[in-house]
Protein backbone atom coordinates (compact mmCIF):
# COMPACT_ATOMS: atom_id res chain seq x y z
CA MET A 1 40.63 31.94 -5.82
CA GLU A 2 43.42 29.61 -6.91
CA LEU A 3 42.50 25.93 -6.97
CA ASN A 4 45.25 24.82 -4.57
CA SER A 5 44.42 27.57 -2.08
CA SER A 6 40.72 26.73 -2.22
CA LEU A 7 41.36 23.01 -1.71
CA GLN A 8 43.65 23.74 1.24
CA LYS A 9 40.87 25.71 2.90
CA LEU A 10 38.30 23.00 2.24
CA GLY A 11 40.70 20.38 3.53
CA ALA A 12 41.14 22.32 6.76
CA TYR A 13 37.47 23.31 7.18
CA GLN A 14 35.88 22.76 10.59
CA PRO A 15 32.16 23.43 11.21
CA ARG A 16 31.38 26.32 13.54
CA LYS A 17 28.06 27.99 14.27
CA SER A 18 29.43 31.51 14.17
CA GLU A 19 27.70 34.82 13.64
CA LYS A 20 29.68 35.25 10.43
CA SER A 21 28.37 31.99 8.96
CA ALA A 22 24.80 33.05 9.86
CA GLU A 23 25.31 36.31 7.98
CA THR A 24 26.81 34.46 5.01
CA LEU A 25 23.81 32.13 4.95
CA ASP A 26 21.36 35.06 4.97
CA HIS A 27 23.26 36.64 2.09
CA GLY A 28 23.38 33.29 0.29
CA ILE A 29 19.63 32.75 0.43
CA ALA A 30 19.19 36.05 -1.40
CA LEU A 31 21.95 35.03 -3.83
CA LEU A 32 20.09 31.82 -4.64
CA ARG A 33 16.75 33.54 -5.00
CA THR A 34 18.05 36.10 -7.52
CA LYS A 35 20.61 33.76 -9.13
CA ALA A 36 23.04 36.66 -8.90
CA TYR A 37 25.96 34.22 -8.78
CA LEU A 38 25.46 33.61 -12.52
CA ARG A 39 26.39 37.23 -13.24
CA GLN A 40 29.52 37.28 -11.06
CA GLY A 41 31.77 34.91 -12.97
CA SER A 42 34.22 32.83 -10.90
CA GLU A 43 33.55 34.98 -7.83
CA GLY A 44 29.91 33.94 -7.95
CA TRP A 45 30.81 30.25 -7.73
CA GLU A 46 33.21 30.93 -4.88
CA GLU A 47 30.40 32.75 -3.09
CA LEU A 48 28.15 29.75 -3.62
CA GLU A 49 30.82 27.50 -2.11
CA LYS A 50 30.97 29.73 0.98
CA VAL A 51 27.19 29.63 1.26
CA THR A 52 27.29 25.83 1.17
CA LEU A 53 29.68 25.74 4.12
CA ALA A 54 27.72 28.41 5.99
CA ALA A 55 24.50 26.44 5.52
CA LEU A 56 26.20 23.32 6.89
CA ASP A 57 27.51 25.37 9.81
CA GLN A 58 24.01 26.51 10.61
CA GLY A 59 22.37 23.12 10.05
CA ASN A 60 20.38 24.27 7.00
CA ILE A 61 20.85 21.12 4.94
CA GLU A 62 18.22 22.14 2.39
CA VAL A 63 20.13 25.24 1.32
CA ALA A 64 23.45 23.36 1.48
CA ASP A 65 22.11 20.65 -0.83
CA GLN A 66 20.68 23.24 -3.21
CA CYS A 67 24.05 24.99 -3.48
CA LEU A 68 25.95 21.73 -3.78
CA GLN A 69 23.70 20.54 -6.60
CA ILE A 70 24.19 23.78 -8.54
CA ILE A 71 27.98 23.63 -8.12
CA SER A 72 28.08 19.92 -8.98
CA ASP A 73 26.05 20.47 -12.15
CA LYS A 74 28.46 23.21 -13.23
CA PHE A 75 31.69 21.42 -12.23
CA PRO A 76 30.86 17.67 -12.14
CA ASP A 77 34.46 16.45 -11.88
CA SER A 78 35.82 19.14 -9.58
CA PRO A 79 37.90 18.06 -6.55
CA ARG A 80 36.26 20.93 -4.68
CA VAL A 81 32.88 19.27 -5.22
CA ASP A 82 34.32 16.06 -3.78
CA CYS A 83 35.45 17.97 -0.68
CA LEU A 84 32.11 19.73 -0.27
CA THR A 85 30.24 16.44 -0.66
CA GLY A 86 32.45 14.84 1.96
CA ILE A 87 31.93 17.72 4.38
CA ARG A 88 28.18 17.40 3.86
CA LEU A 89 28.44 13.70 4.81
CA GLU A 90 30.53 14.57 7.87
CA VAL A 91 27.80 16.90 9.10
CA THR A 92 24.77 14.73 8.33
CA GLU A 93 25.95 11.10 8.42
CA SER A 94 27.99 8.86 10.68
CA PRO A 95 31.81 9.13 10.65
CA GLU A 96 31.96 5.68 9.09
CA VAL A 97 29.93 6.84 6.09
CA ALA A 98 32.24 9.83 5.56
CA LEU A 99 35.35 7.65 5.90
CA LYS A 100 34.01 5.18 3.35
CA PHE A 101 33.39 8.04 0.91
CA TYR A 102 36.93 9.38 1.38
CA ASP A 103 38.49 5.92 1.08
CA GLU A 104 36.72 5.37 -2.24
CA LEU A 105 37.96 8.72 -3.56
CA LEU A 106 41.54 8.01 -2.49
CA GLU A 107 41.46 4.52 -3.95
CA ALA A 108 40.48 6.01 -7.30
CA GLU A 109 42.85 8.98 -7.07
CA PRO A 110 45.48 8.93 -4.25
CA SER A 111 46.80 12.38 -5.18
CA LYS A 112 43.92 14.29 -3.54
CA ALA A 113 45.72 15.86 -0.59
CA ALA A 114 42.61 17.71 0.63
CA ILE A 115 40.76 14.39 0.90
CA TRP A 116 43.61 12.93 2.95
CA ARG A 117 43.23 15.84 5.38
CA ARG A 118 39.46 15.45 5.57
CA LYS A 119 39.89 11.76 6.35
CA SER A 120 42.41 12.59 9.06
CA SER A 121 40.02 15.16 10.53
CA VAL A 122 37.24 12.57 10.79
CA LEU A 123 39.57 10.07 12.47
CA ARG A 124 40.67 12.72 14.94
CA ARG A 125 37.09 13.55 15.92
CA MET A 126 36.49 9.82 16.42
CA GLY A 127 39.37 9.78 18.90
CA LYS A 128 41.56 7.67 16.61
CA ILE A 129 44.56 9.96 17.00
CA ASP A 130 47.22 7.44 15.96
CA GLN A 131 45.38 6.73 12.72
CA ALA A 132 44.86 10.45 12.08
CA VAL A 133 48.59 11.06 12.49
CA THR A 134 49.41 8.12 10.21
CA GLU A 135 47.09 9.41 7.47
CA LEU A 136 48.52 12.93 7.62
CA SER A 137 52.11 11.71 7.75
CA THR A 138 51.54 9.43 4.75
CA MET A 139 50.04 12.30 2.80
CA LEU A 140 52.85 14.71 3.72
CA ASP A 141 55.52 12.19 2.71
CA THR A 142 54.20 12.59 -0.84
CA TYR A 143 52.78 16.14 -0.76
CA TYR A 144 55.39 17.90 1.31
CA THR A 145 54.32 21.40 0.27
CA ASP A 146 50.85 21.15 1.84
CA VAL A 147 51.25 23.82 4.54
CA GLU A 148 47.80 23.25 6.05
CA GLY A 149 48.64 19.57 6.43
CA TRP A 150 51.72 20.41 8.52
CA LEU A 151 49.70 22.83 10.63
CA GLU A 152 47.03 20.19 11.24
CA LEU A 153 49.67 17.63 12.20
CA ALA A 154 51.25 20.12 14.60
CA ASP A 155 47.88 20.83 16.16
CA ILE A 156 47.23 17.12 16.71
CA TYR A 157 50.62 16.67 18.38
CA ALA A 158 50.09 19.76 20.56
CA SER A 159 46.66 18.52 21.66
CA CYS A 160 48.44 15.37 22.92
CA GLN A 161 51.15 17.50 24.61
CA GLN A 162 53.76 16.12 22.22
CA TYR A 163 55.24 19.57 21.76
CA THR A 164 58.59 18.44 20.30
CA HIS A 165 56.80 16.71 17.43
CA ALA A 166 54.49 19.73 17.08
CA LEU A 167 57.47 22.07 16.74
CA GLN A 168 59.05 19.78 14.14
CA SER A 169 55.85 19.91 12.09
CA LEU A 170 55.61 23.68 12.44
CA SER A 171 59.22 24.02 11.28
CA HIS A 172 58.15 22.61 7.92
CA ALA A 173 55.29 25.13 7.73
CA LEU A 174 57.74 27.98 8.41
CA LEU A 175 60.04 26.78 5.64
CA LEU A 176 57.15 26.56 3.18
CA ALA A 177 55.48 29.85 4.13
CA PRO A 178 58.12 32.09 5.74
CA GLN A 179 56.08 35.22 5.07
CA ASN A 180 53.12 34.21 7.27
CA PRO A 181 53.39 35.69 10.80
CA PHE A 182 50.52 33.55 12.12
CA HIS A 183 52.64 30.43 11.63
CA PHE A 184 55.46 32.04 13.61
CA LEU A 185 53.00 32.95 16.34
CA GLN A 186 51.78 29.35 16.52
CA PHE A 187 55.41 28.21 16.72
CA ALA A 188 56.11 30.69 19.53
CA ASP A 189 53.04 29.57 21.49
CA THR A 190 54.01 25.91 21.08
CA ALA A 191 57.61 26.57 22.15
CA TYR A 192 56.25 28.30 25.26
CA LEU A 193 54.09 25.27 26.08
CA ALA A 194 57.18 23.10 25.57
CA SER A 195 58.97 25.31 28.15
CA ASP A 196 61.59 26.34 25.59
CA ILE A 197 61.27 29.95 26.69
CA PRO A 198 64.33 31.37 24.88
CA LEU A 199 63.07 29.91 21.59
CA SER A 200 59.55 31.17 22.30
CA LEU A 201 60.83 34.70 22.99
CA LYS A 202 62.86 34.67 19.79
CA MET A 203 59.79 33.73 17.76
CA TYR A 204 57.47 36.24 19.43
CA LEU A 205 59.99 38.97 18.60
CA GLN A 206 60.05 37.68 15.02
CA VAL A 207 56.25 38.14 14.85
CA VAL A 208 56.60 41.68 16.16
CA ASP A 209 59.26 42.40 13.55
CA MET A 210 57.03 41.00 10.79
CA THR A 211 53.84 42.82 11.79
CA ASP A 212 54.82 46.19 13.24
CA ASP A 213 53.67 49.04 11.02
CA ASP A 214 56.47 50.41 8.85
CA ASP A 215 54.86 53.86 8.57
CA ASP A 216 57.80 56.28 8.65
CA ASP A 217 55.56 59.07 9.96
CA VAL A 218 54.91 57.23 13.25
CA ALA A 219 57.68 56.03 15.52
CA PRO A 220 57.26 52.35 16.52
CA ILE A 221 57.02 53.32 20.20
CA ASP A 222 54.06 55.62 19.40
CA GLN A 223 52.10 53.06 17.44
CA ILE A 224 49.15 51.27 19.02
CA PRO A 225 49.69 47.51 18.80
CA THR A 226 46.64 45.57 17.69
CA GLY A 227 45.74 42.10 16.50
CA ILE A 228 48.61 39.68 16.02
CA THR A 229 51.21 42.32 16.99
CA LEU A 230 49.48 42.82 20.33
CA ARG A 231 49.31 39.07 20.85
CA ALA A 232 53.05 38.80 20.13
CA TRP A 233 53.92 41.55 22.62
CA PHE A 234 51.90 39.69 25.22
CA GLY A 235 54.02 36.63 24.47
CA VAL A 236 57.20 38.67 24.84
CA LYS A 237 55.99 39.84 28.24
CA LEU A 238 55.25 36.29 29.36
CA CYS A 239 58.69 35.10 28.26
CA THR A 240 60.68 37.95 29.82
CA LYS A 241 58.90 37.48 33.14
CA ARG A 242 59.71 33.75 33.08
CA LEU A 243 63.34 34.32 32.18
CA LEU A 244 63.83 37.08 34.75
CA THR A 245 62.18 35.26 37.64
CA ASP A 246 63.22 31.67 36.93
CA SER A 247 66.89 31.22 36.17
CA LYS A 248 66.25 27.61 35.10
CA SER A 249 64.17 28.89 32.16
CA GLN A 250 67.29 30.45 30.69
CA HIS A 251 69.02 27.10 30.43
CA ALA A 252 66.10 24.79 29.60
CA SER A 253 66.15 25.32 25.86
CA ALA A 254 65.81 21.99 24.09
CA SER A 255 66.66 23.84 20.87
CA HIS A 256 69.82 25.29 22.49
CA THR A 257 68.54 28.81 21.82
CA PRO A 258 70.51 31.24 24.00
CA ALA A 259 68.55 33.60 26.23
CA PRO A 260 69.30 37.33 25.97
CA ASP A 261 71.58 38.79 28.63
CA PRO A 262 69.89 40.22 31.76
CA ASP A 263 70.21 43.83 30.58
CA THR A 264 68.49 43.04 27.27
CA LEU A 265 65.81 41.02 29.05
CA ASN A 266 65.02 43.93 31.35
CA LYS A 267 64.75 46.27 28.39
CA LEU A 268 62.46 43.86 26.54
CA ASP A 269 60.35 43.41 29.66
CA GLU A 270 59.97 47.18 30.03
CA LEU A 271 59.26 47.68 26.32
CA SER A 272 56.62 44.93 26.19
CA GLY A 273 54.97 46.42 29.27
CA GLU A 274 54.83 49.82 27.60
CA ARG A 275 53.37 48.28 24.43
CA LEU A 276 50.62 46.55 26.43
CA LYS A 277 49.90 49.75 28.36
CA THR A 278 49.55 51.65 25.10
CA ALA A 279 47.07 49.05 23.84
CA HIS A 280 45.15 49.12 27.12
CA LEU A 281 44.85 52.92 27.23
CA ASN A 282 43.72 53.05 23.60
CA SER A 283 41.51 49.96 23.66
CA SER A 284 38.47 49.71 21.41
CA PRO A 285 35.00 49.93 23.00
CA LEU A 286 34.12 46.58 21.39
CA LYS A 287 33.32 44.13 24.19
CA GLU A 288 35.47 41.24 22.93
CA GLU A 289 38.53 43.40 22.37
CA LYS A 290 38.12 45.19 25.70
CA GLU A 291 37.99 41.88 27.54
CA PHE A 292 41.16 40.75 25.79
CA ILE A 293 42.96 44.02 26.53
CA GLU A 294 41.91 43.87 30.19
CA ALA A 295 43.34 40.35 30.44
CA LEU A 296 46.61 41.60 29.00
CA SER A 297 46.68 44.61 31.32
CA SER A 298 46.82 42.29 34.34
CA MET A 299 50.36 41.48 33.22
CA ILE A 300 51.54 45.07 33.59
CA HIS A 301 49.91 46.36 36.76
């Protein structure tokens, strides 16, 4: 894993007691017992880092500290160790203790973008939204290319219903990572919340274009949409219904994005309905996916 990519993920980390982290912790305990990470090169140390986070997720501080000590001994001056240490403090100590740790790191070395994001995350959880925004904005003024920083800033604005600012932040993320359809999906969702339905529709269609299978042996209309493509088609359906039933939606684009003509809207509405029907009729037996598909199917019946 590249250093910058790893630091971005650590900077954006949020604790979650998920089934996946429980499985990672179980695997990690065996990894520690056999010391197999020593035989895996760089991948072994990355695994140990994941185990540290999984242990913190699950509240197993003993295993987290054991992993952190091993990593710290191997890489004593690593910025990733600084991030892991800070996350450990966030989980086990008061927010003030974590903030003090991050402030000391930034005073010594202001160029640690991941530490700026961790500090902002702590401030946000404390309810100090203005300060969190200030910290992120200050960091992004210097480290413009930090995509995760822009996404975090957009999420903070969206949580405060400041959707215009959120869209501005997401625009930077799209410029920096134009190949990532998840960023376009987040932009489309935010534009929908901002009631800029023409812009939202345009972005949902962009996600579809980026994620539809290009297999020449299967016509697009015969493919079964899944994952992010399915989510984008659902967004298309929401937008076409709004635009077809509420004429004001066609003219309420703060971005001045023109809505498609009525004939095109009807075709898109019909096509998105067919795509959702296809997904519904071919839905997986997995409980979570079935529940999601059933929610989507309510849009087409």
